[in-house]
């Protein structure tokens, strides 16, 4: 049975993920993993941040570009926060970030969401103009989930090692 994710309004994805995890743990004993992410644009004081999905659905890419029309600061970053825990395990938080800038126009058709206007550091192309393999290698979500996977594997090895000793 899948429980609905409770989502608070907060400017930091890590707080949203942590709250959703704690809410889900109230009625569940299994390991729970939740993720929240956002696009943070410096020239817009961090907007849209954790409200990225809503902003994308309402004003879209053209709306973001319009808001940035007169801004010289186009630096931005994607952040993903993954929270994991259970009734017997202290909540853990894993964060992945990819830095870059917002383009002046919508470029490319690969990916989804803000990919056609986000140029990652070290690239001249938006995520929308790159291959899926490039995007996956430079993904904020992949970075956060890789940290979670490393922690989870280490935890599993410790638990299996303890079981052998007994």
Protein backbone atom coordinates (compact mmCIF):
# COMPACT_ATOMS: atom_id res chain seq x y z
CA UNK A 1 0.00 0.00 0.00
CA UNK A 2 1.38 3.38 -0.99
CA UNK A 3 0.76 6.31 1.35
CA UNK A 4 0.37 9.84 0.04
CA UNK A 5 3.41 12.05 0.54
CA UNK A 6 2.73 14.96 2.87
CA UNK A 7 4.57 18.02 1.56
CA UNK A 8 5.15 21.18 3.55
CA UNK A 9 5.95 24.53 1.97
CA UNK A 10 9.57 25.35 2.75
CA UNK A 11 12.34 27.06 0.77
CA UNK A 12 14.72 24.08 1.30
CA UNK A 13 14.13 20.69 -0.38
CA UNK A 14 15.98 18.91 2.43
CA UNK A 15 13.39 20.16 4.95
CA UNK A 16 10.55 19.06 2.68
CA UNK A 17 12.07 15.59 2.20
CA UNK A 18 12.80 15.19 5.93
CA UNK A 19 9.23 16.20 6.89
CA UNK A 20 7.71 13.85 4.29
CA UNK A 21 9.86 11.00 5.61
CA UNK A 22 8.87 11.64 9.22
CA UNK A 23 5.18 11.80 8.22
CA UNK A 24 5.41 8.52 6.28
CA UNK A 25 7.20 6.77 9.15
CA UNK A 26 4.30 7.37 11.53
CA UNK A 27 2.29 4.56 9.91
CA UNK A 28 5.03 2.36 8.51
CA UNK A 29 7.85 0.23 9.93
CA UNK A 30 9.68 -0.44 6.63
CA UNK A 31 12.48 1.60 5.12
CA UNK A 32 10.99 4.70 3.49
CA UNK A 33 12.80 6.82 0.89
CA UNK A 34 11.48 10.20 -0.28
CA UNK A 35 12.96 12.78 -2.65
CA UNK A 36 12.35 16.46 -3.27
CA UNK A 37 14.14 18.75 -5.68
CA UNK A 38 14.13 22.19 -7.20
CA UNK A 39 15.77 24.66 -9.53
CA UNK A 40 17.30 27.63 -7.72
CA UNK A 41 18.05 30.72 -9.84
CA UNK A 42 20.33 33.33 -8.23
CA UNK A 43 18.99 36.24 -10.31
CA UNK A 44 15.51 35.45 -8.95
CA UNK A 45 16.65 35.09 -5.31
CA UNK A 46 16.44 31.28 -5.48
CA UNK A 47 13.05 31.17 -7.20
CA UNK A 48 11.43 28.82 -8.18
CA UNK A 49 13.30 26.56 -5.72
CA UNK A 50 11.07 23.85 -4.27
CA UNK A 51 8.11 25.30 -6.15
CA UNK A 52 9.67 24.32 -9.49
CA UNK A 53 6.94 21.88 -10.56
CA UNK A 54 4.15 24.37 -9.88
CA UNK A 55 6.02 27.19 -11.61
CA UNK A 56 6.78 24.99 -14.62
CA UNK A 57 3.10 24.04 -14.91
CA UNK A 58 1.88 27.63 -14.57
CA UNK A 59 4.34 29.99 -16.31
CA UNK A 60 6.61 27.44 -18.01
CA UNK A 61 10.02 28.00 -19.53
CA UNK A 62 8.95 31.15 -21.35
CA UNK A 63 7.77 32.64 -18.05
CA UNK A 64 11.12 31.95 -16.35
CA UNK A 65 13.01 33.46 -19.30
CA UNK A 66 10.71 36.49 -19.17
CA UNK A 67 11.42 36.97 -15.45
CA UNK A 68 15.16 36.84 -16.20
CA UNK A 69 14.99 39.12 -19.26
CA UNK A 70 16.81 42.02 -17.57
CA UNK A 71 18.90 39.96 -15.13
CA UNK A 72 22.65 39.69 -15.67
CA UNK A 73 22.94 36.99 -13.00
CA UNK A 74 21.73 33.78 -14.63
CA UNK A 75 23.59 31.39 -12.31
CA UNK A 76 21.42 28.54 -11.11
CA UNK A 77 21.55 25.06 -9.65
CA UNK A 78 19.39 21.99 -9.38
CA UNK A 79 19.25 20.35 -5.95
CA UNK A 80 17.82 16.97 -5.03
CA UNK A 81 17.40 15.88 -1.41
CA UNK A 82 16.75 12.23 -0.57
CA UNK A 83 15.64 11.31 2.94
CA UNK A 84 15.64 7.70 4.14
CA UNK A 85 14.70 6.09 7.44
CA UNK A 86 12.54 3.59 9.26
CA UNK A 87 10.96 3.21 12.67
CA UNK A 88 14.24 1.70 13.92
CA UNK A 89 16.64 3.82 11.87
CA UNK A 90 17.59 7.44 12.38
CA UNK A 91 16.60 9.53 9.33
CA UNK A 92 19.42 10.08 6.85
CA UNK A 93 19.66 12.88 4.28
CA UNK A 94 21.54 12.79 0.97
CA UNK A 95 21.87 15.81 -1.31
CA UNK A 96 22.98 16.15 -4.92
CA UNK A 97 23.58 19.42 -6.74
CA UNK A 98 24.43 20.41 -10.30
CA UNK A 99 25.46 24.00 -10.93
CA UNK A 100 25.12 25.98 -14.11
CA UNK A 101 23.24 28.88 -15.65
CA UNK A 102 19.98 29.67 -17.40
CA UNK A 103 20.14 30.11 -21.18
CA UNK A 104 18.60 33.10 -22.98
CA UNK A 105 16.29 30.89 -25.05
CA UNK A 106 14.70 27.43 -25.06
CA UNK A 107 17.15 25.02 -26.70
CA UNK A 108 16.82 21.30 -27.34
CA UNK A 109 14.18 18.63 -26.90
CA UNK A 110 15.95 16.02 -24.73
CA UNK A 111 15.01 15.56 -21.10
CA UNK A 112 12.09 17.22 -19.38
CA UNK A 113 11.13 20.18 -17.23
CA UNK A 114 13.77 22.90 -17.17
CA UNK A 115 16.34 20.91 -19.19
CA UNK A 116 15.96 23.11 -22.35
CA UNK A 117 17.01 26.26 -20.43
CA UNK A 118 19.64 24.87 -18.01
CA UNK A 119 23.29 24.86 -19.09
CA UNK A 120 25.41 22.82 -16.64
CA UNK A 121 28.88 24.10 -15.66
CA UNK A 122 31.54 23.12 -18.18
CA UNK A 123 29.04 22.84 -21.03
CA UNK A 124 27.90 25.18 -23.77
CA UNK A 125 24.69 23.23 -24.33
CA UNK A 126 21.50 23.00 -22.31
CA UNK A 127 20.54 19.62 -20.86
CA UNK A 128 17.85 19.69 -23.55
CA UNK A 129 20.56 19.61 -26.23
CA UNK A 130 22.63 16.81 -24.68
CA UNK A 131 22.28 13.04 -24.67
CA UNK A 132 20.47 11.11 -21.96
CA UNK A 133 23.81 9.58 -20.90
CA UNK A 134 25.33 13.07 -20.42
CA UNK A 135 22.29 14.18 -18.44
CA UNK A 136 22.37 11.06 -16.24
CA UNK A 137 26.10 11.49 -15.53
CA UNK A 138 25.45 15.10 -14.45
CA UNK A 139 22.12 14.63 -12.68
CA UNK A 140 21.41 16.12 -9.25
CA UNK A 141 19.03 13.21 -8.55
CA UNK A 142 21.61 10.64 -9.60
CA UNK A 143 24.16 12.26 -7.27
CA UNK A 144 21.76 12.19 -4.31
CA UNK A 145 20.64 8.59 -4.98
CA UNK A 146 24.26 7.45 -5.47
CA UNK A 147 25.05 8.79 -1.99
CA UNK A 148 22.00 6.96 -0.64
CA UNK A 149 23.00 3.72 -2.42
CA UNK A 150 26.56 3.92 -1.02
CA UNK A 151 25.21 4.43 2.50
CA UNK A 152 22.64 1.63 2.06
CA UNK A 153 25.24 -0.88 0.75
CA UNK A 154 27.59 -0.02 3.61
CA UNK A 155 24.75 -0.44 6.10
CA UNK A 156 23.78 -3.80 4.58
CA UNK A 157 27.39 -5.01 4.77
CA UNK A 158 27.62 -4.01 8.44
CA UNK A 159 24.32 -5.76 9.22
CA UNK A 160 25.28 -8.94 7.35
CA UNK A 161 28.71 -8.90 9.02
CA UNK A 162 27.07 -8.64 12.46
CA UNK A 163 24.77 -11.52 11.67
CA UNK A 164 27.73 -13.77 10.77
CA UNK A 165 29.51 -12.96 14.03
CA UNK A 166 26.54 -14.02 16.12
